[in-house]
């Protein structure tokens, strides 16, 4: 098992790894945090874009890309944002799309509007 800790993604806010390579790569939930500023992007579209960009950074550090993602989980602070998130999300993947679960969370860390985790396979 190997920890993945890219310099181009935000540092974890607790005792966890941004990613673990155990043959399959497990990406921790990513918020829409800009790694250069440490701040959340504004709005669900920008946060979705940044969360997926942060996942991409973890995957690239493991020698993979978005085409290797087989499963994601999307946590939304408000399911009313589903269409906006979904439109941006679709720009980051191509068929066959990863399996996905989307749920409304009671609250997300730092007041985020979206959090996304991913599982990728070489």
PDB file of N, CA and C in Angstrom:
ATOM      1  N   UNK A   1       0.849  -1.172   0.000  1.00  0.00           N
ATOM      2  CA  UNK A   1       0.000   0.000   0.000  1.00  0.00           C
ATOM      3  C   UNK A   1       0.897   1.239   0.000  1.00  0.00           C
ATOM      4  N   UNK A   2       0.526   2.232  -0.820  1.00  0.00           N
ATOM      5  CA  UNK A   2       1.354   3.432  -0.944  1.00  0.00           C
ATOM      6  C   UNK A   2       0.477   4.676  -0.847  1.00  0.00           C
ATOM      7  N   UNK A   3       0.926   5.643  -0.049  1.00  0.00           N
ATOM      8  CA  UNK A   3       0.209   6.911   0.063  1.00  0.00           C
ATOM      9  C   UNK A   3       0.478   7.766  -1.167  1.00  0.00           C
ATOM     10  N   UNK A   4      -0.561   8.466  -1.610  1.00  0.00           N
ATOM     11  CA  UNK A   4      -0.446   9.419  -2.712  1.00  0.00           C
ATOM     12  C   UNK A   4      -0.717  10.802  -2.138  1.00  0.00           C
ATOM     13  N   UNK A   5       0.272  11.677  -2.233  1.00  0.00           N
ATOM     14  CA  UNK A   5       0.147  13.020  -1.659  1.00  0.00           C
ATOM     15  C   UNK A   5       0.712  14.039  -2.648  1.00  0.00           C
ATOM     16  N   UNK A   6      -0.074  14.401  -3.680  1.00  0.00           N
ATOM     17  CA  UNK A   6       0.437  15.336  -4.682  1.00  0.00           C
ATOM     18  C   UNK A   6       0.575  16.750  -4.136  1.00  0.00           C
ATOM     19  N   UNK A   7       1.541  17.477  -4.662  1.00  0.00           N
ATOM     20  CA  UNK A   7       1.739  18.874  -4.258  1.00  0.00           C
ATOM     21  C   UNK A   7       0.714  19.794  -4.911  1.00  0.00           C
ATOM     22  N   UNK A   8       0.037  19.298  -5.943  1.00  0.00           N
ATOM     23  CA  UNK A   8      -0.917  20.123  -6.688  1.00  0.00           C
ATOM     24  C   UNK A   8      -2.353  19.915  -6.240  1.00  0.00           C
ATOM     25  N   UNK A   9      -2.553  19.310  -5.071  1.00  0.00           N
ATOM     26  CA  UNK A   9      -3.883  19.148  -4.482  1.00  0.00           C
ATOM     27  C   UNK A   9      -3.814  19.668  -3.051  1.00  0.00           C
ATOM     28  N   UNK A  10      -4.953  20.049  -2.484  1.00  0.00           N
ATOM     29  CA  UNK A  10      -4.936  20.558  -1.116  1.00  0.00           C
ATOM     30  C   UNK A  10      -4.429  19.514  -0.122  1.00  0.00           C
ATOM     31  N   UNK A  11      -3.789  19.971   0.930  1.00  0.00           N
ATOM     32  CA  UNK A  11      -3.356  19.076   2.004  1.00  0.00           C
ATOM     33  C   UNK A  11      -4.583  18.597   2.773  1.00  0.00           C
ATOM     34  N   UNK A  12      -4.542  17.381   3.283  1.00  0.00           N
ATOM     35  CA  UNK A  12      -5.669  16.875   4.069  1.00  0.00           C
ATOM     36  C   UNK A  12      -5.923  17.741   5.298  1.00  0.00           C
ATOM     37  N   UNK A  13      -7.182  17.809   5.682  1.00  0.00           N
ATOM     38  CA  UNK A  13      -7.570  18.598   6.852  1.00  0.00           C
ATOM     39  C   UNK A  13      -7.586  17.747   8.110  1.00  0.00           C
ATOM     40  N   UNK A  14      -7.114  16.516   8.020  1.00  0.00           N
ATOM     41  CA  UNK A  14      -7.124  15.622   9.165  1.00  0.00           C
ATOM     42  C   UNK A  14      -6.185  14.455   8.940  1.00  0.00           C
ATOM     43  N   UNK A  15      -6.295  13.446   9.798  1.00  0.00           N
ATOM     44  CA  UNK A  15      -5.395  12.298   9.697  1.00  0.00           C
ATOM     45  C   UNK A  15      -5.854  11.298   8.630  1.00  0.00           C
ATOM     46  N   UNK A  16      -5.715  11.685   7.382  1.00  0.00           N
ATOM     47  CA  UNK A  16      -6.038  10.799   6.268  1.00  0.00           C
ATOM     48  C   UNK A  16      -5.158  11.155   5.078  1.00  0.00           C
ATOM     49  N   UNK A  17      -5.093  10.235   4.132  1.00  0.00           N
ATOM     50  CA  UNK A  17      -4.288  10.426   2.925  1.00  0.00           C
ATOM     51  C   UNK A  17      -5.168  10.923   1.792  1.00  0.00           C
ATOM     52  N   UNK A  18      -4.653  11.805   0.917  1.00  0.00           N
ATOM     53  CA  UNK A  18      -5.429  12.228  -0.249  1.00  0.00           C
ATOM     54  C   UNK A  18      -5.754  11.049  -1.159  1.00  0.00           C
ATOM     55  N   UNK A  19      -4.848  10.088  -1.179  1.00  0.00           N
ATOM     56  CA  UNK A  19      -5.073   8.897  -1.982  1.00  0.00           C
ATOM     57  C   UNK A  19      -4.237   7.750  -1.471  1.00  0.00           C
ATOM     58  N   UNK A  20      -4.709   6.535  -1.738  1.00  0.00           N
ATOM     59  CA  UNK A  20      -3.979   5.324  -1.398  1.00  0.00           C
ATOM     60  C   UNK A  20      -3.956   4.434  -2.628  1.00  0.00           C
ATOM     61  N   UNK A  21      -2.767   3.968  -2.976  1.00  0.00           N
ATOM     62  CA  UNK A  21      -2.617   3.015  -4.074  1.00  0.00           C
ATOM     63  C   UNK A  21      -2.441   1.638  -3.455  1.00  0.00           C
ATOM     64  N   UNK A  22      -3.462   0.822  -3.617  1.00  0.00           N
ATOM     65  CA  UNK A  22      -3.429  -0.551  -3.125  1.00  0.00           C
ATOM     66  C   UNK A  22      -3.655  -1.495  -4.306  1.00  0.00           C
ATOM     67  N   UNK A  23      -3.098  -1.111  -5.463  1.00  0.00           N
ATOM     68  CA  UNK A  23      -3.396  -1.810  -6.707  1.00  0.00           C
ATOM     69  C   UNK A  23      -4.536  -1.089  -7.399  1.00  0.00           C
ATOM     70  N   UNK A  24      -5.574  -0.820  -6.658  1.00  0.00           N
ATOM     71  CA  UNK A  24      -6.656   0.091  -7.025  1.00  0.00           C
ATOM     72  C   UNK A  24      -6.372   1.388  -6.278  1.00  0.00           C
ATOM     73  N   UNK A  25      -6.649   2.533  -6.899  1.00  0.00           N
ATOM     74  CA  UNK A  25      -6.382   3.815  -6.246  1.00  0.00           C
ATOM     75  C   UNK A  25      -7.669   4.364  -5.650  1.00  0.00           C
ATOM     76  N   UNK A  26      -7.609   4.682  -4.375  1.00  0.00           N
ATOM     77  CA  UNK A  26      -8.735   5.248  -3.643  1.00  0.00           C
ATOM     78  C   UNK A  26      -8.425   6.710  -3.350  1.00  0.00           C
ATOM     79  N   UNK A  27      -9.231   7.605  -3.889  1.00  0.00           N
ATOM     80  CA  UNK A  27      -9.060   9.044  -3.669  1.00  0.00           C
ATOM     81  C   UNK A  27     -10.001   9.486  -2.568  1.00  0.00           C
ATOM     82  N   UNK A  28      -9.452  10.147  -1.575  1.00  0.00           N
ATOM     83  CA  UNK A  28     -10.277  10.695  -0.499  1.00  0.00           C
ATOM     84  C   UNK A  28     -11.218  11.746  -1.064  1.00  0.00           C
ATOM     85  N   UNK A  29     -12.294  12.016  -0.359  1.00  0.00           N
ATOM     86  CA  UNK A  29     -13.228  13.055  -0.770  1.00  0.00           C
ATOM     87  C   UNK A  29     -12.508  14.378  -0.947  1.00  0.00           C
ATOM     88  N   UNK A  30     -12.756  15.011  -2.074  1.00  0.00           N
ATOM     89  CA  UNK A  30     -12.128  16.293  -2.377  1.00  0.00           C
ATOM     90  C   UNK A  30     -13.200  17.380  -2.403  1.00  0.00           C
ATOM     91  N   UNK A  31     -12.885  18.469  -1.747  1.00  0.00           N
ATOM     92  CA  UNK A  31     -13.733  19.660  -1.793  1.00  0.00           C
ATOM     93  C   UNK A  31     -13.236  20.541  -2.928  1.00  0.00           C
ATOM     94  N   UNK A  32     -13.960  21.584  -3.198  1.00  0.00           N
ATOM     95  CA  UNK A  32     -13.564  22.534  -4.234  1.00  0.00           C
ATOM     96  C   UNK A  32     -12.584  23.552  -3.710  1.00  0.00           C
ATOM     97  N   UNK A  33     -11.533  23.089  -3.059  1.00  0.00           N
ATOM     98  CA  UNK A  33     -10.521  23.970  -2.472  1.00  0.00           C
ATOM     99  C   UNK A  33      -9.392  24.201  -3.471  1.00  0.00           C
ATOM    100  N   UNK A  34      -9.081  25.451  -3.685  1.00  0.00           N
ATOM    101  CA  UNK A  34      -7.949  25.816  -4.538  1.00  0.00           C
ATOM    102  C   UNK A  34      -6.675  25.549  -3.743  1.00  0.00           C
ATOM    103  N   UNK A  35      -5.788  24.662  -4.219  1.00  0.00           N
ATOM    104  CA  UNK A  35      -4.584  24.342  -3.450  1.00  0.00           C
ATOM    105  C   UNK A  35      -3.615  25.519  -3.317  1.00  0.00           C
ATOM    106  N   UNK A  36      -3.708  26.504  -4.209  1.00  0.00           N
ATOM    107  CA  UNK A  36      -2.814  27.666  -4.135  1.00  0.00           C
ATOM    108  C   UNK A  36      -3.235  28.653  -3.059  1.00  0.00           C
ATOM    109  N   UNK A  37      -4.547  28.772  -2.837  1.00  0.00           N
ATOM    110  CA  UNK A  37      -5.048  29.755  -1.875  1.00  0.00           C
ATOM    111  C   UNK A  37      -5.570  29.132  -0.586  1.00  0.00           C
ATOM    112  N   UNK A  38      -5.924  27.841  -0.642  1.00  0.00           N
ATOM    113  CA  UNK A  38      -6.524  27.178   0.517  1.00  0.00           C
ATOM    114  C   UNK A  38      -7.973  27.554   0.716  1.00  0.00           C
ATOM    115  N   UNK A  39      -8.562  28.264  -0.253  1.00  0.00           N
ATOM    116  CA  UNK A  39      -9.947  28.729  -0.139  1.00  0.00           C
ATOM    117  C   UNK A  39     -10.873  27.918  -1.031  1.00  0.00           C
ATOM    118  N   UNK A  40     -12.122  27.823  -0.605  1.00  0.00           N
ATOM    119  CA  UNK A  40     -13.149  27.202  -1.429  1.00  0.00           C
ATOM    120  C   UNK A  40     -13.456  28.084  -2.623  1.00  0.00           C
ATOM    121  N   UNK A  41     -13.650  27.465  -3.765  1.00  0.00           N
ATOM    122  CA  UNK A  41     -14.122  28.194  -4.937  1.00  0.00           C
ATOM    123  C   UNK A  41     -15.561  28.643  -4.660  1.00  0.00           C
ATOM    124  N   UNK A  42     -16.045  29.608  -5.421  1.00  0.00           N
ATOM    125  CA  UNK A  42     -17.392  30.146  -5.244  1.00  0.00           C
ATOM    126  C   UNK A  42     -18.391  29.404  -6.118  1.00  0.00           C
ATOM    127  N   UNK A  43     -19.435  28.866  -5.519  1.00  0.00           N
ATOM    128  CA  UNK A  43     -20.525  28.251  -6.264  1.00  0.00           C
ATOM    129  C   UNK A  43     -20.299  26.767  -6.540  1.00  0.00           C
ATOM    130  N   UNK A  44     -21.402  26.071  -6.772  1.00  0.00           N
ATOM    131  CA  UNK A  44     -21.340  24.616  -6.943  1.00  0.00           C
ATOM    132  C   UNK A  44     -20.618  24.215  -8.227  1.00  0.00           C
ATOM    133  N   UNK A  45     -20.739  24.978  -9.302  1.00  0.00           N
ATOM    134  CA  UNK A  45     -20.057  24.638 -10.554  1.00  0.00           C
ATOM    135  C   UNK A  45     -18.543  24.734 -10.362  1.00  0.00           C
ATOM    136  N   UNK A  46     -18.070  25.833  -9.821  1.00  0.00           N
ATOM    137  CA  UNK A  46     -16.634  26.014  -9.601  1.00  0.00           C
ATOM    138  C   UNK A  46     -16.099  25.006  -8.580  1.00  0.00           C
ATOM    139  N   UNK A  47     -16.876  24.699  -7.557  1.00  0.00           N
ATOM    140  CA  UNK A  47     -16.431  23.711  -6.569  1.00  0.00           C
ATOM    141  C   UNK A  47     -16.378  22.314  -7.180  1.00  0.00           C
ATOM    142  N   UNK A  48     -17.333  21.977  -8.038  1.00  0.00           N
ATOM    143  CA  UNK A  48     -17.311  20.680  -8.716  1.00  0.00           C
ATOM    144  C   UNK A  48     -16.076  20.592  -9.603  1.00  0.00           C
ATOM    145  N   UNK A  49     -15.831  21.636 -10.388  1.00  0.00           N
ATOM    146  CA  UNK A  49     -14.662  21.673 -11.279  1.00  0.00           C
ATOM    147  C   UNK A  49     -13.380  21.485 -10.477  1.00  0.00           C
ATOM    148  N   UNK A  50     -13.250  22.210  -9.376  1.00  0.00           N
ATOM    149  CA  UNK A  50     -12.023  22.146  -8.573  1.00  0.00           C
ATOM    150  C   UNK A  50     -11.900  20.798  -7.863  1.00  0.00           C
ATOM    151  N   UNK A  51     -12.986  20.263  -7.338  1.00  0.00           N
ATOM    152  CA  UNK A  51     -12.920  18.950  -6.675  1.00  0.00           C
ATOM    153  C   UNK A  51     -12.423  17.895  -7.665  1.00  0.00           C
ATOM    154  N   UNK A  52     -12.932  17.934  -8.898  1.00  0.00           N
ATOM    155  CA  UNK A  52     -12.491  16.974  -9.913  1.00  0.00           C
ATOM    156  C   UNK A  52     -11.057  17.244 -10.343  1.00  0.00           C
ATOM    157  N   UNK A  53     -10.648  18.492 -10.369  1.00  0.00           N
ATOM    158  CA  UNK A  53      -9.257  18.832 -10.666  1.00  0.00           C
ATOM    159  C   UNK A  53      -8.336  18.298  -9.566  1.00  0.00           C
ATOM    160  N   UNK A  54      -8.773  18.381  -8.327  1.00  0.00           N
ATOM    161  CA  UNK A  54      -7.994  17.859  -7.206  1.00  0.00           C
ATOM    162  C   UNK A  54      -7.900  16.334  -7.280  1.00  0.00           C
ATOM    163  N   UNK A  55      -8.986  15.674  -7.682  1.00  0.00           N
ATOM    164  CA  UNK A  55      -8.950  14.224  -7.884  1.00  0.00           C
ATOM    165  C   UNK A  55      -7.979  13.891  -9.009  1.00  0.00           C
ATOM    166  N   UNK A  56      -8.029  14.663 -10.084  1.00  0.00           N
ATOM    167  CA  UNK A  56      -7.108  14.443 -11.204  1.00  0.00           C
ATOM    168  C   UNK A  56      -5.653  14.522 -10.723  1.00  0.00           C
ATOM    169  N   UNK A  57      -5.339  15.470  -9.855  1.00  0.00           N
ATOM    170  CA  UNK A  57      -3.973  15.612  -9.340  1.00  0.00           C
ATOM    171  C   UNK A  57      -3.552  14.370  -8.552  1.00  0.00           C
ATOM    172  N   UNK A  58      -4.449  13.836  -7.748  1.00  0.00           N
ATOM    173  CA  UNK A  58      -4.147  12.613  -6.990  1.00  0.00           C
ATOM    174  C   UNK A  58      -3.899  11.460  -7.960  1.00  0.00           C
ATOM    175  N   UNK A  59      -4.778  11.323  -8.943  1.00  0.00           N
ATOM    176  CA  UNK A  59      -4.635  10.238  -9.917  1.00  0.00           C
ATOM    177  C   UNK A  59      -3.337  10.365 -10.708  1.00  0.00           C
ATOM    178  N   UNK A  60      -3.009  11.569 -11.153  1.00  0.00           N
ATOM    179  CA  UNK A  60      -1.777  11.768 -11.929  1.00  0.00           C
ATOM    180  C   UNK A  60      -0.540  11.430 -11.105  1.00  0.00           C
ATOM    181  N   UNK A  61      -0.590  11.718  -9.809  1.00  0.00           N
ATOM    182  CA  UNK A  61       0.530  11.374  -8.933  1.00  0.00           C
ATOM    183  C   UNK A  61       0.690   9.857  -8.817  1.00  0.00           C
ATOM    184  N   UNK A  62      -0.391   9.128  -9.101  1.00  0.00           N
ATOM    185  CA  UNK A  62      -0.352   7.658  -9.081  1.00  0.00           C
ATOM    186  C   UNK A  62      -0.122   7.090 -10.478  1.00  0.00           C
ATOM    187  N   UNK A  63       0.075   7.968 -11.468  1.00  0.00           N
ATOM    188  CA  UNK A  63       0.296   7.517 -12.836  1.00  0.00           C
ATOM    189  C   UNK A  63      -0.982   7.156 -13.581  1.00  0.00           C
ATOM    190  N   UNK A  64      -2.110   7.652 -13.108  1.00  0.00           N
ATOM    191  CA  UNK A  64      -3.409   7.377 -13.734  1.00  0.00           C
ATOM    192  C   UNK A  64      -4.054   8.678 -14.198  1.00  0.00           C
ATOM    193  N   UNK A  65      -5.238   8.576 -14.767  1.00  0.00           N
ATOM    194  CA  UNK A  65      -5.988   9.739 -15.208  1.00  0.00           C
ATOM    195  C   UNK A  65      -7.476   9.520 -14.969  1.00  0.00           C
ATOM    196  N   UNK A  66      -8.263  10.476 -15.395  1.00  0.00           N
ATOM    197  CA  UNK A  66      -9.707  10.400 -15.188  1.00  0.00           C
ATOM    198  C   UNK A  66     -10.325   9.212 -15.920  1.00  0.00           C
ATOM    199  N   UNK A  67      -9.704   8.761 -17.005  1.00  0.00           N
ATOM    200  CA  UNK A  67     -10.221   7.611 -17.753  1.00  0.00           C
ATOM    201  C   UNK A  67     -10.138   6.322 -16.934  1.00  0.00           C
ATOM    202  N   UNK A  68      -9.340   6.340 -15.859  1.00  0.00           N
ATOM    203  CA  UNK A  68      -9.196   5.173 -15.003  1.00  0.00           C
ATOM    204  C   UNK A  68     -10.220   5.114 -13.873  1.00  0.00           C
ATOM    205  N   UNK A  69     -11.012   6.175 -13.715  1.00  0.00           N
ATOM    206  CA  UNK A  69     -11.998   6.216 -12.627  1.00  0.00           C
ATOM    207  C   UNK A  69     -13.131   5.247 -12.938  1.00  0.00           C
ATOM    208  N   UNK A  70     -13.398   4.357 -11.980  1.00  0.00           N
ATOM    209  CA  UNK A  70     -14.472   3.376 -12.150  1.00  0.00           C
ATOM    210  C   UNK A  70     -15.689   3.687 -11.289  1.00  0.00           C
ATOM    211  N   UNK A  71     -15.508   4.493 -10.224  1.00  0.00           N
ATOM    212  CA  UNK A  71     -16.615   4.792  -9.315  1.00  0.00           C
ATOM    213  C   UNK A  71     -16.363   6.113  -8.624  1.00  0.00           C
ATOM    214  N   UNK A  72     -17.399   6.932  -8.516  1.00  0.00           N
ATOM    215  CA  UNK A  72     -17.326   8.158  -7.719  1.00  0.00           C
ATOM    216  C   UNK A  72     -18.520   8.210  -6.777  1.00  0.00           C
ATOM    217  N   UNK A  73     -18.354   8.983  -5.744  1.00  0.00           N
ATOM    218  CA  UNK A  73     -19.466   9.339  -4.869  1.00  0.00           C
ATOM    219  C   UNK A  73     -19.475  10.853  -4.785  1.00  0.00           C
ATOM    220  N   UNK A  74     -20.635  11.445  -5.050  1.00  0.00           N
ATOM    221  CA  UNK A  74     -20.795  12.891  -5.000  1.00  0.00           C
ATOM    222  C   UNK A  74     -21.710  13.211  -3.822  1.00  0.00           C
ATOM    223  N   UNK A  75     -21.229  14.051  -2.941  1.00  0.00           N
ATOM    224  CA  UNK A  75     -22.006  14.523  -1.802  1.00  0.00           C
ATOM    225  C   UNK A  75     -22.370  15.977  -2.072  1.00  0.00           C
ATOM    226  N   UNK A  76     -23.650  16.276  -2.069  1.00  0.00           N
ATOM    227  CA  UNK A  76     -24.125  17.643  -2.278  1.00  0.00           C
ATOM    228  C   UNK A  76     -24.739  18.174  -0.994  1.00  0.00           C
ATOM    229  N   UNK A  77     -24.459  19.424  -0.682  1.00  0.00           N
ATOM    230  CA  UNK A  77     -25.108  20.057   0.466  1.00  0.00           C
ATOM    231  C   UNK A  77     -26.597  20.243   0.189  1.00  0.00           C
ATOM    232  N   UNK A  78     -26.956  20.378  -1.090  1.00  0.00           N
ATOM    233  CA  UNK A  78     -28.353  20.578  -1.477  1.00  0.00           C
ATOM    234  C   UNK A  78     -28.593  19.899  -2.823  1.00  0.00           C
ATOM    235  N   UNK A  79     -29.490  18.912  -2.857  1.00  0.00           N
ATOM    236  CA  UNK A  79     -29.776  18.210  -4.115  1.00  0.00           C
ATOM    237  C   UNK A  79     -30.361  19.127  -5.182  1.00  0.00           C
ATOM    238  N   UNK A  80     -30.799  20.307  -4.800  1.00  0.00           N
ATOM    239  CA  UNK A  80     -31.263  21.279  -5.793  1.00  0.00           C
ATOM    240  C   UNK A  80     -30.120  21.698  -6.726  1.00  0.00           C
ATOM    241  N   UNK A  81     -28.883  21.457  -6.306  1.00  0.00           N
ATOM    242  CA  UNK A  81     -27.715  21.778  -7.127  1.00  0.00           C
ATOM    243  C   UNK A  81     -27.321  20.635  -8.062  1.00  0.00           C
ATOM    244  N   UNK A  82     -28.122  19.560  -8.091  1.00  0.00           N
ATOM    245  CA  UNK A  82     -27.755  18.373  -8.878  1.00  0.00           C
ATOM    246  C   UNK A  82     -27.507  18.699 -10.346  1.00  0.00           C
ATOM    247  N   UNK A  83     -28.407  19.412 -10.991  1.00  0.00           N
ATOM    248  CA  UNK A  83     -28.269  19.683 -12.435  1.00  0.00           C
ATOM    249  C   UNK A  83     -26.995  20.473 -12.737  1.00  0.00           C
ATOM    250  N   UNK A  84     -26.690  21.472 -11.929  1.00  0.00           N
ATOM    251  CA  UNK A  84     -25.474  22.268 -12.144  1.00  0.00           C
ATOM    252  C   UNK A  84     -24.222  21.418 -11.949  1.00  0.00           C
ATOM    253  N   UNK A  85     -24.209  20.619 -10.863  1.00  0.00           N
ATOM    254  CA  UNK A  85     -23.075  19.732 -10.613  1.00  0.00           C
ATOM    255  C   UNK A  85     -22.942  18.743 -11.760  1.00  0.00           C
ATOM    256  N   UNK A  86     -24.048  18.136 -12.175  1.00  0.00           N
ATOM    257  CA  UNK A  86     -24.037  17.088 -13.190  1.00  0.00           C
ATOM    258  C   UNK A  86     -23.504  17.601 -14.535  1.00  0.00           C
ATOM    259  N   UNK A  87     -23.893  18.809 -14.892  1.00  0.00           N
ATOM    260  CA  UNK A  87     -23.426  19.402 -16.148  1.00  0.00           C
ATOM    261  C   UNK A  87     -21.901  19.585 -16.139  1.00  0.00           C
ATOM    262  N   UNK A  88     -21.364  20.097 -15.026  1.00  0.00           N
ATOM    263  CA  UNK A  88     -19.908  20.276 -14.925  1.00  0.00           C
ATOM    264  C   UNK A  88     -19.206  18.928 -14.821  1.00  0.00           C
ATOM    265  N   UNK A  89     -19.738  18.021 -14.031  1.00  0.00           N
ATOM    266  CA  UNK A  89     -19.161  16.690 -13.846  1.00  0.00           C
ATOM    267  C   UNK A  89     -18.967  15.995 -15.201  1.00  0.00           C
ATOM    268  N   UNK A  90     -19.977  16.081 -16.062  1.00  0.00           N
ATOM    269  CA  UNK A  90     -19.952  15.400 -17.360  1.00  0.00           C
ATOM    270  C   UNK A  90     -18.780  15.860 -18.235  1.00  0.00           C
ATOM    271  N   UNK A  91     -18.299  17.079 -18.032  1.00  0.00           N
ATOM    272  CA  UNK A  91     -17.191  17.613 -18.826  1.00  0.00           C
ATOM    273  C   UNK A  91     -15.855  16.933 -18.504  1.00  0.00           C
ATOM    274  N   UNK A  92     -15.786  16.226 -17.387  1.00  0.00           N
ATOM    275  CA  UNK A  92     -14.527  15.663 -16.916  1.00  0.00           C
ATOM    276  C   UNK A  92     -14.374  14.175 -17.206  1.00  0.00           C
ATOM    277  N   UNK A  93     -15.407  13.563 -17.772  1.00  0.00           N
ATOM    278  CA  UNK A  93     -15.389  12.140 -18.058  1.00  0.00           C
ATOM    279  C   UNK A  93     -15.909  11.898 -19.469  1.00  0.00           C
ATOM    280  N   UNK A  94     -15.574  10.728 -20.000  1.00  0.00           N
ATOM    281  CA  UNK A  94     -16.109  10.314 -21.294  1.00  0.00           C
ATOM    282  C   UNK A  94     -16.588   8.870 -21.170  1.00  0.00           C
ATOM    283  N   UNK A  95     -17.441   8.446 -22.082  1.00  0.00           N
ATOM    284  CA  UNK A  95     -17.955   7.072 -22.016  1.00  0.00           C
ATOM    285  C   UNK A  95     -16.821   6.055 -22.110  1.00  0.00           C
ATOM    286  N   UNK A  96     -16.912   4.959 -21.429  1.00  0.00           N
ATOM    287  CA  UNK A  96     -17.972   4.641 -20.478  1.00  0.00           C
ATOM    288  C   UNK A  96     -17.764   5.434 -19.179  1.00  0.00           C
ATOM    289  N   UNK A  97     -18.797   6.112 -18.754  1.00  0.00           N
ATOM    290  CA  UNK A  97     -18.721   6.922 -17.542  1.00  0.00           C
ATOM    291  C   UNK A  97     -18.552   6.032 -16.316  1.00  0.00           C
ATOM    292  N   UNK A  98     -17.890   6.553 -15.275  1.00  0.00           N
ATOM    293  CA  UNK A  98     -17.766   5.771 -14.045  1.00  0.00           C
ATOM    294  C   UNK A  98     -19.145   5.547 -13.414  1.00  0.00           C
ATOM    295  N   UNK A  99     -19.267   4.477 -12.664  1.00  0.00           N
ATOM    296  CA  UNK A  99     -20.452   4.305 -11.818  1.00  0.00           C
ATOM    297  C   UNK A  99     -20.442   5.462 -10.817  1.00  0.00           C
ATOM    298  N   UNK A 100     -21.616   5.892 -10.381  1.00  0.00           N
ATOM    299  CA  UNK A 100     -21.667   7.046  -9.482  1.00  0.00           C
ATOM    300  C   UNK A 100     -22.852   6.937  -8.535  1.00  0.00           C
ATOM    301  N   UNK A 101     -22.622   7.400  -7.326  1.00  0.00           N
ATOM    302  CA  UNK A 101     -23.684   7.587  -6.352  1.00  0.00           C
ATOM    303  C   UNK A 101     -23.682   9.064  -5.998  1.00  0.00           C
ATOM    304  N   UNK A 102     -24.864   9.675  -5.956  1.00  0.00           N
ATOM    305  CA  UNK A 102     -24.981  11.074  -5.550  1.00  0.00           C
ATOM    306  C   UNK A 102     -25.982  11.149  -4.406  1.00  0.00           C
ATOM    307  N   UNK A 103     -25.578  11.781  -3.315  1.00  0.00           N
ATOM    308  CA  UNK A 103     -26.449  11.909  -2.149  1.00  0.00           C
ATOM    309  C   UNK A 103     -26.390  13.332  -1.610  1.00  0.00           C
ATOM    310  N   UNK A 104     -27.442  13.690  -0.910  1.00  0.00           N
ATOM    311  CA  UNK A 104     -27.439  14.967  -0.192  1.00  0.00           C
ATOM    312  C   UNK A 104     -26.884  14.701   1.194  1.00  0.00           C
ATOM    313  N   UNK A 105     -25.901  15.490   1.583  1.00  0.00           N
ATOM    314  CA  UNK A 105     -25.296  15.376   2.914  1.00  0.00           C
ATOM    315  C   UNK A 105     -25.896  16.440   3.824  1.00  0.00           C
ATOM    316  N   UNK A 106     -25.982  16.137   5.099  1.00  0.00           N
ATOM    317  CA  UNK A 106     -26.516  17.109   6.057  1.00  0.00           C
ATOM    318  C   UNK A 106     -25.671  18.375   6.092  1.00  0.00           C
ATOM    319  N   UNK A 107     -24.381  18.203   6.002  1.00  0.00           N
ATOM    320  CA  UNK A 107     -23.434  19.327   5.966  1.00  0.00           C
ATOM    321  C   UNK A 107     -22.101  18.787   5.488  1.00  0.00           C
ATOM    322  N   UNK A 108     -21.335  19.644   4.816  1.00  0.00           N
ATOM    323  CA  UNK A 108     -20.006  19.264   4.349  1.00  0.00           C
ATOM    324  C   UNK A 108     -18.968  20.136   5.042  1.00  0.00           C
ATOM    325  N   UNK A 109     -17.763  19.622   5.155  1.00  0.00           N
ATOM    326  CA  UNK A 109     -16.683  20.354   5.805  1.00  0.00           C
ATOM    327  C   UNK A 109     -16.503  21.726   5.172  1.00  0.00           C
ATOM    328  N   UNK A 110     -16.165  22.684   6.000  1.00  0.00           N
ATOM    329  CA  UNK A 110     -15.860  24.063   5.580  1.00  0.00           C
ATOM    330  C   UNK A 110     -17.022  24.757   4.873  1.00  0.00           C
ATOM    331  N   UNK A 111     -18.233  24.225   5.024  1.00  0.00           N
ATOM    332  CA  UNK A 111     -19.389  24.836   4.372  1.00  0.00           C
ATOM    333  C   UNK A 111     -19.415  24.599   2.874  1.00  0.00           C
ATOM    334  N   UNK A 112     -18.705  23.569   2.411  1.00  0.00           N
ATOM    335  CA  UNK A 112     -18.645  23.267   0.976  1.00  0.00           C
ATOM    336  C   UNK A 112     -20.019  22.889   0.444  1.00  0.00           C
ATOM    337  N   UNK A 113     -20.187  23.083  -0.850  1.00  0.00           N
ATOM    338  CA  UNK A 113     -21.435  22.733  -1.531  1.00  0.00           C
ATOM    339  C   UNK A 113     -21.371  21.341  -2.143  1.00  0.00           C
ATOM    340  N   UNK A 114     -20.144  20.853  -2.405  1.00  0.00           N
ATOM    341  CA  UNK A 114     -19.957  19.544  -3.035  1.00  0.00           C
ATOM    342  C   UNK A 114     -18.651  18.922  -2.543  1.00  0.00           C
ATOM    343  N   UNK A 115     -18.664  17.597  -2.424  1.00  0.00           N
ATOM    344  CA  UNK A 115     -17.467  16.813  -2.137  1.00  0.00           C
ATOM    345  C   UNK A 115     -17.540  15.562  -3.008  1.00  0.00           C
ATOM    346  N   UNK A 116     -16.413  15.176  -3.584  1.00  0.00           N
ATOM    347  CA  UNK A 116     -16.399  14.030  -4.492  1.00  0.00           C
ATOM    348  C   UNK A 116     -15.221  13.132  -4.135  1.00  0.00           C
ATOM    349  N   UNK A 117     -15.486  11.826  -4.049  1.00  0.00           N
ATOM    350  CA  UNK A 117     -14.398  10.872  -3.909  1.00  0.00           C
ATOM    351  C   UNK A 117     -14.391   9.969  -5.142  1.00  0.00           C
ATOM    352  N   UNK A 118     -13.325   9.209  -5.318  1.00  0.00           N
ATOM    353  CA  UNK A 118     -13.203   8.387  -6.516  1.00  0.00           C
ATOM    354  C   UNK A 118     -12.378   7.129  -6.246  1.00  0.00           C
ATOM    355  N   UNK A 119     -12.673   6.114  -7.045  1.00  0.00           N
ATOM    356  CA  UNK A 119     -11.902   4.879  -7.072  1.00  0.00           C
ATOM    357  C   UNK A 119     -11.457   4.687  -8.506  1.00  0.00           C
ATOM    358  N   UNK A 120     -10.170   4.408  -8.695  1.00  0.00           N
ATOM    359  CA  UNK A 120      -9.627   4.241 -10.049  1.00  0.00           C
ATOM    360  C   UNK A 120      -8.839   2.945 -10.139  1.00  0.00           C
ATOM    361  N   UNK A 121      -8.869   2.374 -11.329  1.00  0.00           N
ATOM    362  CA  UNK A 121      -8.182   1.118 -11.581  1.00  0.00           C
ATOM    363  C   UNK A 121      -7.239   1.274 -12.762  1.00  0.00           C
ATOM    364  N   UNK A 122      -6.021   0.734 -12.633  1.00  0.00           N
ATOM    365  CA  UNK A 122      -5.076   0.842 -13.755  1.00  0.00           C
ATOM    366  C   UNK A 122      -5.594   0.166 -15.022  1.00  0.00           C
TER     367      UNK A 122
END
